[in-house]
Amino acid sequence: MRLPFTGRTAALVSAAIIVSLIVGGATSYLFIQKSAPVEKFPPMVKHVDLSKRPLETFAASEQVTLPPDASPFVNSTCPSLSPTWVADENKKPGVKMNQASWKNLQLYSAEGSALWLDQTAVSCGARVKIHAALYSSNSAPITKIPRTFAAWRIGYYKGAGAREVWRSGAINLKRGKATTSKAATRYTEANWPVVTSFTVGSDWTPGFYLIISFSAFGQIENVAPLIVRSPIGSSKLVMMQSFMTWEMYNSFGGRSAYLGPGKDGNRDTDERSRVASFDRPMVGSGLYSIQRDAIPFIQFAEEQGINIDQESDLDINQWPSIITKYSGVIVGGHAEYFTHQMFNTFIAARNLGVNVAIFGGNTAYWQTRLAPSKYGLDRHLVMYRDATEDPDTNLNLVTIEFANKRINTPPSLISGEQTSGVHVFGTLYPVKIPLWLHVSTSAPIGGVSSDSEVEGVTPNAAEPPNVHILYSGLMSWRDAASHKLFKKPVAQVDWIGFPSGSALFNAGMTTWSCQLSDACVDLPFDSASRGLIQDITKQVLKLWQIPKVGTSLTQ
């Protein structure tokens, strides 16, 4: 049965979502660095409200063209990959880890040492600088024994989950601290020295990497994500990793883009950072998202032998043309923050026949923009969440929800759905399983984690035609007491075939990707549902490699 939410219900749910995302966003996964000292900042200056746009219809979105690249595209200098490159990579020896040890890693606070990198994505031959220091989130004493750093490529490797490609010698670190700007934007950084660097060798297989700081006893103390880009078109699929969303949830120094330390000792939304900086270590919910979304998905895909190139969302923002070089683009987990350029890139890619598969939820909810820091371009993410507070009044740049009446380009233009609930749990039941999807027509997806953020169809002129609901179910609020006035939200999984021939699959929940691997750090769904999710994902990944696969899919 199709379960849309409309009218007053939609308005109430939307209000609940906005409150939950702002007040509870940083606590979604219960991992927050301890508060920084309460400081005084200049008041936020507000201006007159912005005008409102009419709702962008799906028909109008079909005229969206690909945004131009922001700079001349620079292809990866890494060697060409063979058609069997993932299978070949899997034969190489992995680290001394297993799926259980990945699941039990506790990386959410930086204790002992921490690091950040001067880049998010590179190609072979690039020199990457590591900024690092001794650090403890609770100011506890730290041993001054030297630390070492290593680069691990995430993959399957017979269950080991990663392969080490580089390791530093022992390095003495000095104690570092977080620095919060005195500006009203309250952004936090770590102005730490470069302690070492490494060159990405031609023997580094492109993919998703973690750069790790180790204690003298071999314990992982902190990690930083890095993508080594493949030559364009090395695979038929490309996966966009959500560095922007991870950074918004990063609470290093006691502040995230959601919350900051309040005067009464509680977390305060007014004290949130209006700028999230890449010039600091990753901790808290930001790092949890990497463990929940990116690592399990990559390990699963490579276990299946599926070739997928990796790019960061900053790459897609810089060079929208990247997506058009592939049969399909993959989004995993929680890609909550898009720039205007990225939003139009996904719509244009769909119009050009590029398949899209979203194995997550709460996708493209907030519009953000990038700004430089003293360390380089696109190192600051701007996020005011209030149209009258953001000094930039350009509707393509102002940092509010895409569905806000001032922008009025709801995420359903991309995925067919909009966020319907945050911190919910329940069961989804099959509605109509198409002939192309070879799974049970009666098996539900049950035991959905209470950390889930879910999406549902909202019928309006922005919704694409022919949205096919695969699974649907009423969810329960995790915090039922604070949602007494709100009806239960709907969670739905859908697929869409577009006039261009492209197809879209949307899982519609943030916890989908995590269920693909035993390394999942989130609450597990029931075992039958996990098997169903893995089966669906594998089929979609194989089908979405076919150019314009929507022309051949049956309802």
Protein backbone atom coordinates (compact mmCIF):
# COMPACT_ATOMS: atom_id res chain seq x y z
CA MET A 1 0.00 0.00 0.00
CA ARG A 2 1.31 3.44 -0.92
CA LEU A 3 1.58 5.68 2.15
CA PRO A 4 2.22 9.29 1.13
CA PHE A 5 2.09 12.10 3.62
CA THR A 6 0.20 15.22 2.58
CA GLY A 7 -1.35 18.44 3.76
CA ARG A 8 -1.18 19.21 7.48
CA THR A 9 0.74 16.00 8.17
CA ALA A 10 3.49 17.04 5.77
CA ALA A 11 3.72 20.47 7.36
CA LEU A 12 3.91 19.02 10.86
CA VAL A 13 6.50 16.45 9.88
CA SER A 14 8.57 19.10 8.09
CA ALA A 15 8.55 21.25 11.22
CA ALA A 16 9.62 18.28 13.34
CA ILE A 17 12.42 17.42 10.95
CA ILE A 18 13.86 20.93 10.95
CA VAL A 19 13.82 21.07 14.75
CA SER A 20 15.37 17.61 15.00
CA LEU A 21 18.07 18.36 12.45
CA ILE A 22 19.13 21.56 14.20
CA VAL A 23 18.68 20.60 17.83
CA GLY A 24 19.45 16.91 17.61
CA GLY A 25 21.63 16.70 14.53
CA ALA A 26 24.95 16.44 16.29
CA THR A 27 23.53 13.96 18.76
CA SER A 28 22.13 11.68 16.04
CA TYR A 29 24.74 9.07 16.83
CA LEU A 30 25.42 10.10 20.45
CA PHE A 31 29.07 10.88 19.82
CA ILE A 32 29.95 14.49 20.68
CA GLN A 33 33.26 15.87 21.80
CA LYS A 34 33.07 17.53 25.19
CA SER A 35 32.15 21.19 25.24
CA ALA A 36 34.70 23.93 24.79
CA PRO A 37 34.77 26.73 27.39
CA VAL A 38 31.92 29.18 27.05
CA GLU A 39 33.13 32.30 25.24
CA LYS A 40 31.60 35.63 24.28
CA PHE A 41 31.08 36.35 20.61
CA PRO A 42 29.66 39.29 18.67
CA PRO A 43 25.92 38.93 18.08
CA MET A 44 24.70 37.59 14.76
CA VAL A 45 23.53 40.46 12.58
CA LYS A 46 20.23 39.92 10.81
CA HIS A 47 18.77 41.59 7.72
CA VAL A 48 15.40 41.76 5.99
CA ASP A 49 13.97 38.49 4.79
CA LEU A 50 14.50 37.17 1.27
CA SER A 51 11.90 36.83 -1.42
CA LYS A 52 10.31 33.47 -2.08
CA ARG A 53 10.54 31.54 -5.30
CA PRO A 54 7.73 29.51 -6.88
CA LEU A 55 8.14 25.76 -6.53
CA GLU A 56 10.41 24.32 -9.21
CA THR A 57 8.42 21.68 -11.01
CA PHE A 58 9.77 18.40 -12.34
CA ALA A 59 8.89 19.57 -15.86
CA ALA A 60 11.06 22.66 -15.36
CA SER A 61 13.90 20.55 -13.93
CA GLU A 62 14.07 18.59 -17.18
CA GLN A 63 15.54 21.73 -18.76
CA VAL A 64 18.43 21.93 -16.26
CA THR A 65 21.79 21.65 -17.99
CA LEU A 66 25.12 20.55 -16.58
CA PRO A 67 26.89 23.38 -14.71
CA PRO A 68 30.30 24.26 -16.17
CA ASP A 69 33.40 23.03 -14.38
CA ALA A 70 34.68 25.66 -11.96
CA SER A 71 38.21 25.15 -13.30
CA PRO A 72 39.79 23.10 -16.11
CA PHE A 73 39.41 19.44 -15.23
CA VAL A 74 42.63 17.68 -14.23
CA ASN A 75 42.48 13.92 -14.70
CA SER A 76 44.16 11.50 -12.31
CA THR A 77 47.79 10.71 -13.08
CA CYS A 78 47.47 7.21 -11.61
CA PRO A 79 48.15 4.29 -14.01
CA SER A 80 45.24 2.88 -15.99
CA LEU A 81 43.26 0.17 -14.23
CA SER A 82 42.41 -3.20 -15.73
CA PRO A 83 38.79 -4.40 -16.00
CA THR A 84 39.53 -6.78 -13.09
CA TRP A 85 41.29 -4.28 -10.85
CA VAL A 86 39.11 -4.90 -7.77
CA ALA A 87 39.50 -8.67 -8.04
CA ASP A 88 43.25 -8.20 -8.42
CA GLU A 89 43.37 -5.86 -5.42
CA ASN A 90 41.51 -8.38 -3.26
CA LYS A 91 44.33 -10.88 -3.72
CA LYS A 92 46.79 -8.58 -1.94
CA PRO A 93 47.47 -9.05 1.80
CA GLY A 94 45.38 -7.00 4.17
CA VAL A 95 46.09 -5.61 7.64
CA LYS A 96 45.65 -7.69 10.78
CA MET A 97 41.98 -6.79 11.19
CA ASN A 98 38.64 -8.53 10.75
CA GLN A 99 35.04 -7.36 10.49
CA ALA A 100 34.54 -7.58 14.27
CA SER A 101 37.58 -5.40 14.96
CA TRP A 102 36.32 -2.77 12.51
CA LYS A 103 32.95 -2.79 14.26
CA ASN A 104 34.57 -2.30 17.66
CA LEU A 105 36.82 0.61 16.70
CA GLN A 106 36.13 3.62 18.93
CA LEU A 107 37.21 6.63 16.88
CA TYR A 108 34.66 9.20 17.95
CA SER A 109 36.94 11.25 20.21
CA ALA A 110 40.60 12.11 19.70
CA GLU A 111 42.59 10.79 22.64
CA GLY A 112 46.40 10.90 22.57
CA SER A 113 47.00 12.31 19.10
CA ALA A 114 44.99 13.76 16.25
CA LEU A 115 45.61 14.82 12.66
CA TRP A 116 44.19 16.56 9.63
CA LEU A 117 45.24 16.67 5.98
CA ASP A 118 45.70 19.59 3.63
CA GLN A 119 43.71 17.81 0.87
CA THR A 120 40.62 15.59 0.57
CA ALA A 121 41.25 13.98 -2.84
CA VAL A 122 44.48 13.57 -4.83
CA SER A 123 46.02 11.55 -7.64
CA CYS A 124 49.29 9.68 -7.92
CA GLY A 125 52.36 11.86 -7.47
CA ALA A 126 50.62 14.29 -5.10
CA ARG A 127 52.31 15.32 -1.88
CA VAL A 128 49.97 15.25 1.13
CA LYS A 129 50.82 17.12 4.33
CA ILE A 130 49.84 15.80 7.76
CA HIS A 131 49.11 18.40 10.45
CA ALA A 132 49.18 16.67 13.83
CA ALA A 133 49.62 17.17 17.57
CA LEU A 134 49.18 15.48 20.92
CA TYR A 135 45.56 16.03 21.84
CA SER A 136 42.92 14.93 24.32
CA SER A 137 39.31 16.08 24.20
CA ASN A 138 39.13 16.09 28.01
CA SER A 139 42.55 17.69 28.64
CA ALA A 140 43.84 14.51 30.27
CA PRO A 141 47.61 13.93 30.56
CA ILE A 142 49.14 12.52 27.38
CA THR A 143 52.26 10.42 27.08
CA LYS A 144 54.89 12.08 24.90
CA ILE A 145 56.06 8.81 23.37
CA PRO A 146 56.48 9.30 19.57
CA ARG A 147 53.61 8.48 17.24
CA THR A 148 53.62 6.89 13.80
CA PHE A 149 51.32 7.50 10.83
CA ALA A 150 50.10 5.12 8.14
CA ALA A 151 47.92 5.06 5.01
CA TRP A 152 45.35 2.27 4.72
CA ARG A 153 43.32 1.61 1.59
CA ILE A 154 39.79 0.48 2.48
CA GLY A 155 38.61 -2.65 0.66
CA TYR A 156 37.70 -6.26 1.35
CA TYR A 157 41.01 -8.16 1.40
CA LYS A 158 39.47 -11.48 2.52
CA GLY A 159 37.74 -9.76 5.43
CA ALA A 160 40.73 -7.75 6.69
CA GLY A 161 39.02 -4.59 5.43
CA ALA A 162 42.12 -2.60 4.51
CA ARG A 163 45.66 -2.76 3.11
CA GLU A 164 48.57 -0.67 4.36
CA VAL A 165 50.52 1.16 1.65
CA TRP A 166 52.70 3.56 3.66
CA ARG A 167 53.98 4.08 7.20
CA SER A 168 56.09 6.85 8.72
CA GLY A 169 58.86 6.53 11.21
CA ALA A 170 58.43 7.54 14.86
CA ILE A 171 57.59 11.26 15.17
CA ASN A 172 57.62 13.44 18.28
CA LEU A 173 54.53 15.62 18.58
CA LYS A 174 53.82 18.73 20.59
CA ARG A 175 50.60 19.34 22.47
CA GLY A 176 47.97 21.07 20.35
CA LYS A 177 44.69 22.78 21.04
CA ALA A 178 41.55 23.81 19.23
CA THR A 179 41.19 27.48 18.32
CA THR A 180 37.78 29.11 17.98
CA SER A 181 37.60 32.33 15.99
CA LYS A 182 36.45 35.46 17.79
CA ALA A 183 34.06 36.20 14.94
CA ALA A 184 30.33 35.67 15.22
CA THR A 185 30.68 32.61 12.97
CA ARG A 186 32.36 30.71 15.86
CA TYR A 187 34.38 28.41 13.64
CA THR A 188 36.91 26.07 15.20
CA GLU A 189 40.27 25.08 13.69
CA ALA A 190 43.54 23.42 14.65
CA ASN A 191 46.43 25.60 13.53
CA TRP A 192 48.93 22.81 13.97
CA PRO A 193 52.28 22.35 12.24
CA VAL A 194 53.00 19.93 9.42
CA VAL A 195 54.75 17.03 11.16
CA THR A 196 55.31 14.82 8.12
CA SER A 197 54.10 14.26 4.57
CA PHE A 198 53.90 11.50 2.02
CA THR A 199 53.79 11.14 -1.75
CA VAL A 200 51.02 9.08 -3.30
CA GLY A 201 52.90 6.47 -5.30
CA SER A 202 51.98 5.08 -8.69
CA ASP A 203 51.58 1.73 -6.90
CA TRP A 204 48.77 3.10 -4.71
CA THR A 205 45.55 1.61 -6.09
CA PRO A 206 42.96 4.40 -6.38
CA GLY A 207 40.18 4.31 -3.84
CA PHE A 208 39.18 5.42 -0.36
CA TYR A 209 41.98 5.72 2.23
CA LEU A 210 42.30 6.40 5.92
CA ILE A 211 45.42 8.19 7.16
CA ILE A 212 45.92 6.96 10.71
CA SER A 213 47.84 8.11 13.79
CA PHE A 214 49.04 5.26 16.01
CA SER A 215 50.12 5.28 19.62
CA ALA A 216 53.45 3.73 20.55
CA PHE A 217 51.47 0.61 21.47
CA GLY A 218 49.84 0.28 18.04
CA GLN A 219 46.45 1.71 19.00
CA ILE A 220 44.56 3.79 16.43
CA GLU A 221 44.09 7.24 17.98
CA ASN A 222 42.61 9.24 15.10
CA VAL A 223 42.02 8.97 11.35
CA ALA A 224 41.52 11.31 8.40
CA PRO A 225 39.81 10.33 5.11
CA LEU A 226 41.54 10.72 1.74
CA ILE A 227 40.51 9.74 -1.77
CA VAL A 228 43.04 8.72 -4.42
CA ARG A 229 41.21 9.43 -7.66
CA SER A 230 41.10 6.93 -10.52
CA PRO A 231 41.66 7.96 -14.13
CA ILE A 232 38.20 9.00 -15.30
CA GLY A 233 36.12 6.09 -16.54
CA SER A 234 38.24 3.35 -14.95
CA SER A 235 34.94 1.83 -13.81
CA LYS A 236 31.36 2.11 -15.02
CA LEU A 237 30.25 3.47 -11.63
CA VAL A 238 31.54 6.38 -9.59
CA MET A 239 30.79 6.87 -5.88
CA MET A 240 30.56 10.33 -4.33
CA GLN A 241 31.80 10.42 -0.73
CA SER A 242 30.14 13.06 1.46
CA PHE A 243 33.06 14.98 2.98
CA MET A 244 30.83 18.05 3.44
CA THR A 245 28.28 16.22 5.56
CA TRP A 246 31.01 14.57 7.65
CA GLU A 247 32.54 17.98 8.32
CA MET A 248 29.24 19.56 9.35
CA TYR A 249 28.85 16.87 12.03
CA ASN A 250 32.50 17.12 13.12
CA SER A 251 32.53 18.37 16.74
CA PHE A 252 36.29 18.80 17.18
CA GLY A 253 36.92 21.57 19.71
CA GLY A 254 33.42 21.28 21.20
CA ARG A 255 31.52 22.86 18.30
CA SER A 256 29.85 21.42 15.22
CA ALA A 257 27.62 23.09 12.64
CA TYR A 258 24.73 22.01 14.91
CA LEU A 259 25.64 22.71 18.53
CA GLY A 260 28.07 24.53 20.79
CA PRO A 261 28.60 24.99 24.53
CA GLY A 262 25.84 26.92 26.27
CA LYS A 263 26.12 29.10 29.36
CA ASP A 264 24.20 26.62 31.51
CA GLY A 265 26.47 23.72 30.56
CA ASN A 266 24.01 22.30 28.04
CA ARG A 267 24.49 22.20 24.29
CA ASP A 268 23.15 25.29 22.54
CA THR A 269 22.09 25.70 18.91
CA ASP A 270 22.89 29.43 18.98
CA GLU A 271 26.48 28.56 19.84
CA ARG A 272 26.91 26.33 16.79
CA SER A 273 29.60 27.12 14.24
CA ARG A 274 28.28 28.94 11.18
CA VAL A 275 31.43 27.81 9.37
CA ALA A 276 32.75 24.24 9.49
CA SER A 277 36.46 24.04 8.75
CA PHE A 278 38.38 21.21 7.09
CA ASP A 279 41.48 22.53 8.91
CA ARG A 280 40.95 20.35 12.00
CA PRO A 281 40.81 16.65 12.94
CA MET A 282 37.65 14.64 12.41
CA VAL A 283 35.86 13.41 15.56
CA GLY A 284 32.36 12.82 16.91
CA SER A 285 29.42 12.16 14.62
CA GLY A 286 31.45 13.19 11.57
CA LEU A 287 33.87 10.33 12.05
CA TYR A 288 31.06 8.01 13.06
CA SER A 289 29.42 8.71 9.69
CA ILE A 290 32.56 7.55 7.89
CA GLN A 291 32.51 4.31 9.87
CA ARG A 292 28.78 3.87 9.32
CA ASP A 293 28.45 4.86 5.67
CA ALA A 294 31.68 4.77 3.67
CA ILE A 295 33.65 1.86 5.11
CA PRO A 296 30.91 -0.84 5.07
CA PHE A 297 29.75 0.10 1.57
CA ILE A 298 33.24 -0.03 0.06
CA GLN A 299 34.12 -3.27 1.82
CA PHE A 300 30.88 -4.85 0.56
CA ALA A 301 31.26 -3.65 -3.05
CA GLU A 302 34.84 -4.86 -3.27
CA GLU A 303 33.90 -8.19 -1.67
CA GLN A 304 31.45 -8.58 -4.57
CA GLY A 305 34.21 -7.70 -7.05
CA ILE A 306 32.35 -4.60 -8.28
CA ASN A 307 34.57 -1.86 -9.72
CA ILE A 308 33.64 1.61 -8.41
CA ASP A 309 35.71 4.78 -8.79
CA GLN A 310 35.78 7.15 -5.81
CA GLU A 311 35.37 10.96 -5.79
CA SER A 312 34.63 13.45 -3.05
CA ASP A 313 31.65 15.78 -3.14
CA LEU A 314 34.15 18.64 -3.35
CA ASP A 315 35.41 17.10 -6.61
CA ILE A 316 31.88 16.90 -8.00
CA ASN A 317 31.28 20.51 -6.98
CA GLN A 318 34.52 21.59 -8.71
CA TRP A 319 34.12 19.42 -11.82
CA PRO A 320 30.48 18.48 -12.51
CA SER A 321 31.59 16.90 -15.80
CA ILE A 322 33.01 13.94 -13.83
CA ILE A 323 29.57 12.35 -13.40
CA THR A 324 28.86 12.34 -17.13
CA LYS A 325 31.81 9.99 -17.76
CA TYR A 326 30.06 7.10 -16.01
CA SER A 327 26.99 4.92 -16.54
CA GLY A 328 25.94 5.52 -12.94
CA VAL A 329 26.73 7.60 -9.88
CA ILE A 330 26.46 6.16 -6.37
CA VAL A 331 25.67 8.03 -3.15
CA GLY A 332 26.01 6.15 0.12
CA GLY A 333 24.69 6.78 3.60
CA HIS A 334 24.15 10.38 4.55
CA ALA A 335 24.71 13.06 1.90
CA GLU A 336 22.76 15.80 3.67
CA TYR A 337 24.69 18.82 2.36
CA PHE A 338 24.89 19.85 -1.29
CA THR A 339 25.94 23.06 -2.95
CA HIS A 340 23.63 24.60 -5.55
CA GLN A 341 26.13 23.44 -8.17
CA MET A 342 25.97 19.85 -6.94
CA PHE A 343 22.17 19.88 -6.81
CA ASN A 344 21.94 20.94 -10.45
CA THR A 345 24.70 18.50 -11.39
CA PHE A 346 22.63 15.53 -10.22
CA ILE A 347 19.51 16.76 -11.99
CA ALA A 348 21.46 17.43 -15.20
CA ALA A 349 23.15 14.02 -15.01
CA ARG A 350 19.73 12.38 -14.77
CA ASN A 351 18.58 14.45 -17.76
CA LEU A 352 21.61 13.22 -19.71
CA GLY A 353 20.83 9.56 -19.01
CA VAL A 354 23.21 8.91 -16.12
CA ASN A 355 21.80 6.37 -13.64
CA VAL A 356 21.69 7.40 -9.96
CA ALA A 357 21.66 5.07 -6.94
CA ILE A 358 21.26 6.57 -3.47
CA PHE A 359 21.97 4.03 -0.72
CA GLY A 360 21.12 6.49 2.04
CA GLY A 361 18.63 9.09 3.14
CA ASN A 362 18.16 12.75 4.11
CA THR A 363 19.86 13.47 0.78
CA ALA A 364 20.42 17.06 -0.41
CA TYR A 365 18.52 18.55 2.54
CA TRP A 366 20.62 21.70 3.17
CA GLN A 367 22.19 24.08 0.67
CA THR A 368 25.73 25.01 1.67
CA ARG A 369 28.55 26.94 0.02
CA LEU A 370 32.33 26.77 0.12
CA ALA A 371 34.86 29.45 1.03
CA PRO A 372 38.66 29.52 1.35
CA SER A 373 40.70 29.30 4.54
CA LYS A 374 44.28 30.39 4.99
CA TYR A 375 45.31 26.84 4.05
CA GLY A 376 43.59 26.75 0.66
CA LEU A 377 40.45 26.97 -1.45
CA ASP A 378 37.20 25.27 -0.42
CA ARG A 379 38.38 24.60 3.14
CA HIS A 380 35.43 26.34 4.84
CA LEU A 381 31.80 25.19 4.68
CA VAL A 382 29.26 27.95 5.37
CA MET A 383 26.02 27.02 7.17
CA TYR A 384 23.85 29.71 8.82
CA ARG A 385 20.49 27.84 8.58
CA ASP A 386 18.66 31.19 8.68
CA ALA A 387 18.01 33.28 5.57
CA THR A 388 17.99 36.51 7.58
CA GLU A 389 21.27 35.67 9.32
CA ASP A 390 23.31 34.63 6.29
CA PRO A 391 25.01 37.76 4.89
CA ASP A 392 24.87 36.33 1.35
CA THR A 393 21.39 36.95 -0.03
CA ASN A 394 21.92 35.17 -3.36
CA LEU A 395 19.27 32.44 -3.39
CA ASN A 396 21.72 30.05 -5.06
CA LEU A 397 24.17 30.52 -2.19
CA VAL A 398 22.13 31.22 0.94
CA THR A 399 22.55 28.42 3.47
CA ILE A 400 19.05 27.12 4.20
CA GLU A 401 17.03 24.01 3.24
CA PHE A 402 16.57 23.32 -0.47
CA ALA A 403 12.86 22.86 0.21
CA ASN A 404 12.63 26.26 1.95
CA LYS A 405 10.13 28.48 0.13
CA ARG A 406 12.92 30.95 -0.63
CA ILE A 407 14.83 28.36 -2.70
CA ASN A 408 11.93 25.97 -3.37
CA THR A 409 13.86 23.19 -5.09
CA PRO A 410 12.92 20.21 -2.89
CA PRO A 411 15.15 17.12 -2.83
CA SER A 412 12.35 15.12 -4.46
CA LEU A 413 13.50 16.67 -7.76
CA ILE A 414 16.50 14.35 -7.43
CA SER A 415 15.27 11.34 -5.45
CA GLY A 416 11.48 11.42 -5.69
CA GLU A 417 11.29 11.74 -1.91
CA GLN A 418 11.87 14.15 0.95
CA THR A 419 13.00 13.60 4.52
CA SER A 420 9.99 12.56 6.59
CA GLY A 421 11.50 11.61 9.95
CA VAL A 422 14.70 11.81 11.99
CA HIS A 423 15.60 9.29 14.73
CA VAL A 424 12.90 6.77 13.83
CA PHE A 425 12.58 2.99 13.71
CA GLY A 426 10.20 0.36 12.44
CA THR A 427 9.47 -2.02 9.57
CA LEU A 428 8.97 -1.46 5.83
CA TYR A 429 6.73 -3.81 3.86
CA PRO A 430 6.91 -4.62 0.16
CA VAL A 431 4.53 -2.61 -2.02
CA LYS A 432 5.33 -3.59 -5.60
CA ILE A 433 8.51 -5.48 -6.38
CA PRO A 434 9.34 -5.05 -10.10
CA LEU A 435 10.27 -7.92 -12.39
CA TRP A 436 13.86 -6.71 -12.68
CA LEU A 437 14.45 -7.03 -8.94
CA HIS A 438 14.78 -10.70 -8.08
CA VAL A 439 13.85 -10.76 -4.40
CA SER A 440 10.94 -12.04 -2.37
CA THR A 441 7.70 -10.17 -2.96
CA SER A 442 6.60 -10.68 0.63
CA ALA A 443 9.72 -10.25 2.81
CA PRO A 444 9.79 -6.99 4.84
CA ILE A 445 12.75 -4.83 5.84
CA GLY A 446 12.52 -5.02 9.62
CA GLY A 447 14.43 -3.91 12.66
CA VAL A 448 15.27 -0.53 11.14
CA SER A 449 17.70 1.22 13.49
CA SER A 450 16.38 3.99 15.73
CA ASP A 451 19.19 6.24 14.48
CA SER A 452 17.62 6.23 11.01
CA GLU A 453 16.65 9.33 9.08
CA VAL A 454 14.06 8.33 6.49
CA GLU A 455 12.36 9.70 3.41
CA GLY A 456 8.92 9.39 1.86
CA VAL A 457 7.09 10.53 -1.25
CA THR A 458 5.49 13.99 -1.01
CA PRO A 459 3.07 14.41 -3.92
CA ASN A 460 3.48 17.83 -5.53
CA ALA A 461 4.59 19.33 -8.82
CA ALA A 462 8.26 18.72 -7.98
CA GLU A 463 7.84 14.97 -7.71
CA PRO A 464 8.93 13.05 -10.81
CA PRO A 465 6.23 11.04 -12.56
CA ASN A 466 6.23 7.25 -12.30
CA VAL A 467 7.76 7.01 -8.82
CA HIS A 468 7.57 3.31 -8.01
CA ILE A 469 7.40 2.47 -4.30
CA LEU A 470 9.25 -0.76 -3.50
CA TYR A 471 8.85 -0.76 0.29
CA SER A 472 6.85 1.45 2.65
CA GLY A 473 6.13 1.58 6.36
CA LEU A 474 5.04 3.81 9.23
CA MET A 475 7.94 4.53 11.58
CA SER A 476 7.97 5.28 15.31
CA TRP A 477 9.82 8.23 16.80
CA ARG A 478 12.79 7.28 18.99
CA ASP A 479 11.93 10.19 21.27
CA ALA A 480 8.18 9.69 21.34
CA ALA A 481 7.59 12.13 24.21
CA SER A 482 8.79 15.12 22.18
CA HIS A 483 6.74 14.12 19.12
CA LYS A 484 3.31 13.71 20.70
CA LEU A 485 1.74 16.20 18.29
CA PHE A 486 3.20 14.57 15.20
CA LYS A 487 1.92 11.60 13.28
CA LYS A 488 4.26 8.72 12.59
CA PRO A 489 6.47 9.42 9.57
CA VAL A 490 6.54 7.25 6.48
CA ALA A 491 9.71 5.52 5.27
CA GLN A 492 9.81 4.45 1.64
CA VAL A 493 12.24 2.86 -0.84
CA ASP A 494 11.64 3.83 -4.46
CA TRP A 495 12.89 3.60 -8.02
CA ILE A 496 12.19 5.84 -11.01
CA GLY A 497 12.69 5.56 -14.75
CA PHE A 498 13.24 8.93 -16.45
CA PRO A 499 12.48 10.06 -20.03
CA SER A 500 16.23 10.30 -20.71
CA GLY A 501 16.58 6.56 -20.12
CA SER A 502 18.30 6.94 -16.76
CA ALA A 503 17.10 5.10 -13.69
CA LEU A 504 17.18 6.10 -10.03
CA PHE A 505 17.16 3.87 -6.96
CA ASN A 506 16.64 5.53 -3.58
CA ALA A 507 16.98 3.54 -0.34
CA GLY A 508 15.48 6.46 1.57
CA MET A 509 17.20 5.73 4.91
CA THR A 510 20.57 6.77 6.31
CA THR A 511 21.31 3.37 7.84
CA TRP A 512 21.02 1.28 4.66
CA SER A 513 24.74 1.27 3.70
CA CYS A 514 25.87 0.20 7.15
CA GLN A 515 23.89 -3.05 6.91
CA LEU A 516 26.04 -4.22 4.00
CA SER A 517 28.95 -5.32 6.17
CA ASP A 518 29.61 -7.01 9.50
CA ALA A 519 31.86 -4.00 10.18
CA CYS A 520 28.70 -1.89 10.72
CA VAL A 521 28.93 0.26 13.85
CA ASP A 522 25.21 1.05 13.91
CA LEU A 523 22.46 -1.04 15.48
CA PRO A 524 21.93 -4.08 13.24
CA PHE A 525 18.65 -4.70 11.41
CA ASP A 526 17.31 -8.24 11.74
CA SER A 527 19.43 -10.80 9.89
CA ALA A 528 16.88 -11.57 7.16
CA SER A 529 16.50 -7.85 6.39
CA ARG A 530 20.25 -7.39 6.21
CA GLY A 531 20.44 -10.21 3.68
CA LEU A 532 17.63 -8.61 1.67
CA ILE A 533 19.36 -5.21 1.70
CA GLN A 534 22.61 -6.79 0.54
CA ASP A 535 20.84 -8.66 -2.27
CA ILE A 536 19.03 -5.52 -3.50
CA THR A 537 22.22 -3.46 -3.36
CA LYS A 538 24.22 -6.03 -5.31
CA GLN A 539 21.56 -6.22 -8.04
CA VAL A 540 21.31 -2.43 -8.35
CA LEU A 541 25.08 -2.02 -8.54
CA LYS A 542 25.27 -4.54 -11.38
CA LEU A 543 22.29 -3.17 -13.32
CA TRP A 544 23.25 0.49 -12.91
CA GLN A 545 26.48 -0.20 -14.84
CA ILE A 546 24.31 -0.48 -17.97
CA PRO A 547 24.04 2.92 -19.72
CA LYS A 548 20.50 4.30 -19.51
CA VAL A 549 19.32 1.15 -17.79
CA GLY A 550 15.89 2.69 -17.24
CA THR A 551 14.94 1.87 -20.84
CA SER A 552 15.18 -1.86 -20.12
CA LEU A 553 13.68 -2.10 -16.61
CA THR A 554 10.21 -3.53 -16.28
CA GLN A 555 7.62 -2.50 -13.74
